[in-house]
Amino acid sequence: MSEPARQYHETSARPAAVPLRDWLAAMKEAAAQAEASGEATPTRVQARPAPIVPPPAANAPAVDPDVSELMAENLMLKAKLRIETDRYNEIQSVLAQELRNLRAHIDEEMAELAEIRADRDLWMARAEALAQPLFQKR
């Protein structure tokens, strides 16, 4: 796992997960004690809607730390990829604009050359017309 991903994972993911685990464990204990004593579960627990993601079953294996590190690294890599994609798109748009500017400049230069060529052709025709009597036999 890359060092930045490890630092991100160690600084952000683990502290937030521990209080959630403690809360879930406390809720399970309260429900187990209520069932054992034959009482209804506490009203606060009953009033809450069911969680969107159910907690893992007791017999389910715990999440491997390597898997959580891989997940954190995957999230970091996805974020980097998103940033690189944005940069690539920006560079593409800048390059496209520069190409448009270059093409416009070339078109202007070609138009000037076309004018010069037309002037040159005109002057050559004039010079030939003026020189023609000099080369004719009398």
Protein backbone atom coordinates (compact mmCIF):
# COMPACT_ATOMS: atom_id res chain seq x y z
CA MET A 1 0.00 0.00 0.00
CA SER A 2 1.33 3.40 -0.85
CA GLU A 3 2.44 5.64 1.98
CA PRO A 4 -0.10 8.48 1.36
CA ALA A 5 -2.95 5.97 1.29
CA ARG A 6 -1.74 4.40 4.50
CA GLN A 7 -1.52 7.81 6.21
CA TYR A 8 -4.99 8.74 4.99
CA HIS A 9 -6.39 5.44 6.18
CA GLU A 10 -4.71 5.64 9.58
CA THR A 11 -5.71 9.24 10.24
CA SER A 12 -9.29 9.25 9.04
CA ALA A 13 -10.88 5.82 8.82
CA ARG A 14 -9.92 4.15 12.08
CA PRO A 15 -10.91 6.79 14.65
CA ALA A 16 -14.37 7.13 13.14
CA ALA A 17 -14.95 3.36 13.04
CA VAL A 18 -14.18 2.68 16.71
CA PRO A 19 -17.03 4.75 18.24
CA LEU A 20 -19.46 3.21 15.74
CA ARG A 21 -18.35 -0.29 16.71
CA ASP A 22 -18.69 0.58 20.40
CA TRP A 23 -22.18 1.95 19.83
CA LEU A 24 -23.22 -1.15 17.87
CA ALA A 25 -21.77 -3.42 20.55
CA ALA A 26 -23.65 -1.50 23.27
CA MET A 27 -26.90 -1.74 21.30
CA LYS A 28 -26.44 -5.50 20.83
CA GLU A 29 -25.74 -5.94 24.54
CA ALA A 30 -28.85 -3.98 25.46
CA ALA A 31 -30.98 -6.07 23.09
CA ALA A 32 -29.46 -9.33 24.39
CA GLN A 33 -30.07 -8.32 28.02
CA ALA A 34 -33.65 -7.35 27.23
CA GLU A 35 -34.30 -10.72 25.56
CA ALA A 36 -32.67 -12.61 28.43
CA SER A 37 -34.78 -10.82 31.05
CA GLY A 38 -37.94 -11.15 28.96
CA GLU A 39 -38.44 -7.41 28.74
CA ALA A 40 -39.07 -5.43 25.61
CA THR A 41 -36.10 -3.70 24.09
CA PRO A 42 -35.63 -0.08 25.11
CA THR A 43 -37.95 2.38 23.40
CA ARG A 44 -35.12 4.36 21.87
CA VAL A 45 -34.00 1.28 19.99
CA GLN A 46 -37.55 0.41 18.93
CA ALA A 47 -38.31 3.94 17.74
CA ARG A 48 -35.32 4.04 15.41
CA PRO A 49 -35.76 2.80 11.86
CA ALA A 50 -33.86 -0.26 10.76
CA PRO A 51 -30.34 0.49 9.57
CA ILE A 52 -29.82 0.61 5.84
CA VAL A 53 -26.87 -1.74 6.05
CA PRO A 54 -27.41 -4.48 8.60
CA PRO A 55 -24.56 -5.10 11.02
CA PRO A 56 -22.47 -8.19 10.24
CA ALA A 57 -23.70 -11.45 11.70
CA ALA A 58 -21.92 -12.86 14.73
CA ASN A 59 -20.55 -15.79 12.74
CA ALA A 60 -19.37 -13.60 9.87
CA PRO A 61 -15.59 -13.21 9.67
CA ALA A 62 -14.16 -9.86 10.68
CA VAL A 63 -12.92 -7.56 7.94
CA ASP A 64 -9.29 -8.27 7.21
CA PRO A 65 -7.10 -5.21 7.89
CA ASP A 66 -5.43 -5.76 4.53
CA VAL A 67 -8.82 -5.47 2.84
CA SER A 68 -9.55 -2.21 4.61
CA GLU A 69 -6.12 -0.90 3.61
CA LEU A 70 -6.78 -1.93 0.01
CA MET A 71 -10.16 -0.22 0.12
CA ALA A 72 -8.58 2.97 1.43
CA GLU A 73 -5.88 2.83 -1.22
CA ASN A 74 -8.55 2.20 -3.87
CA LEU A 75 -10.44 5.30 -2.74
CA MET A 76 -7.26 7.35 -2.85
CA LEU A 77 -6.41 6.07 -6.32
CA LYS A 78 -9.92 6.85 -7.56
CA ALA A 79 -9.62 10.40 -6.23
CA LYS A 80 -6.22 10.80 -7.91
CA LEU A 81 -7.64 9.41 -11.15
CA ARG A 82 -10.52 11.88 -11.00
CA ILE A 83 -8.06 14.76 -10.47
CA GLU A 84 -5.85 13.57 -13.31
CA THR A 85 -8.87 13.25 -15.61
CA ASP A 86 -9.87 16.82 -14.79
CA ARG A 87 -6.32 18.03 -15.47
CA TYR A 88 -6.21 16.10 -18.73
CA ASN A 89 -9.49 17.66 -19.84
CA GLU A 90 -8.19 21.14 -18.97
CA ILE A 91 -4.97 20.55 -20.89
CA GLN A 92 -6.93 19.26 -23.87
CA SER A 93 -9.12 22.36 -23.96
CA VAL A 94 -6.08 24.67 -23.68
CA LEU A 95 -4.30 22.80 -26.48
CA ALA A 96 -7.40 22.92 -28.66
CA GLN A 97 -7.62 26.70 -28.18
CA GLU A 98 -3.92 27.12 -28.98
CA LEU A 99 -4.35 25.05 -32.15
CA ARG A 100 -7.29 27.23 -33.18
CA ASN A 101 -5.18 30.35 -32.62
CA LEU A 102 -2.30 28.88 -34.61
CA ARG A 103 -4.58 27.93 -37.49
CA ALA A 104 -6.08 31.41 -37.54
CA HIS A 105 -2.58 32.92 -37.62
CA ILE A 106 -1.56 30.61 -40.47
CA ASP A 107 -4.72 31.53 -42.39
CA GLU A 108 -3.85 35.22 -41.98
CA GLU A 109 -0.28 34.61 -43.20
CA MET A 110 -1.52 32.59 -46.17
CA ALA A 111 -3.96 35.36 -47.07
CA GLU A 112 -1.10 37.86 -46.99
CA LEU A 113 1.02 35.55 -49.19
CA ALA A 114 -1.91 35.17 -51.56
CA GLU A 115 -2.13 38.98 -51.81
CA ILE A 116 1.61 39.21 -52.39
CA ARG A 117 1.43 36.47 -55.01
CA ALA A 118 -1.44 38.25 -56.77
CA ASP A 119 0.52 41.52 -56.72
CA ARG A 120 3.60 39.73 -58.03
CA ASP A 121 1.62 38.11 -60.84
CA LEU A 122 0.11 41.49 -61.74
CA TRP A 123 3.51 43.19 -61.83
CA MET A 124 5.00 40.36 -63.87
CA ALA A 125 2.18 40.65 -66.39
CA ARG A 126 2.68 44.41 -66.59
CA ALA A 127 6.43 43.99 -67.04
CA GLU A 128 5.88 41.43 -69.79
CA ALA A 129 3.38 43.70 -71.51
CA LEU A 130 5.84 46.59 -71.38
CA ALA A 131 8.78 44.44 -72.53
CA GLN A 132 6.89 42.73 -75.32
CA PRO A 133 7.39 45.52 -77.88
CA LEU A 134 11.10 45.43 -77.22
CA PHE A 135 11.39 41.80 -78.26
CA GLN A 136 9.18 41.94 -81.35
CA LYS A 137 10.76 42.09 -84.78
CA ARG A 138 10.08 45.18 -86.74
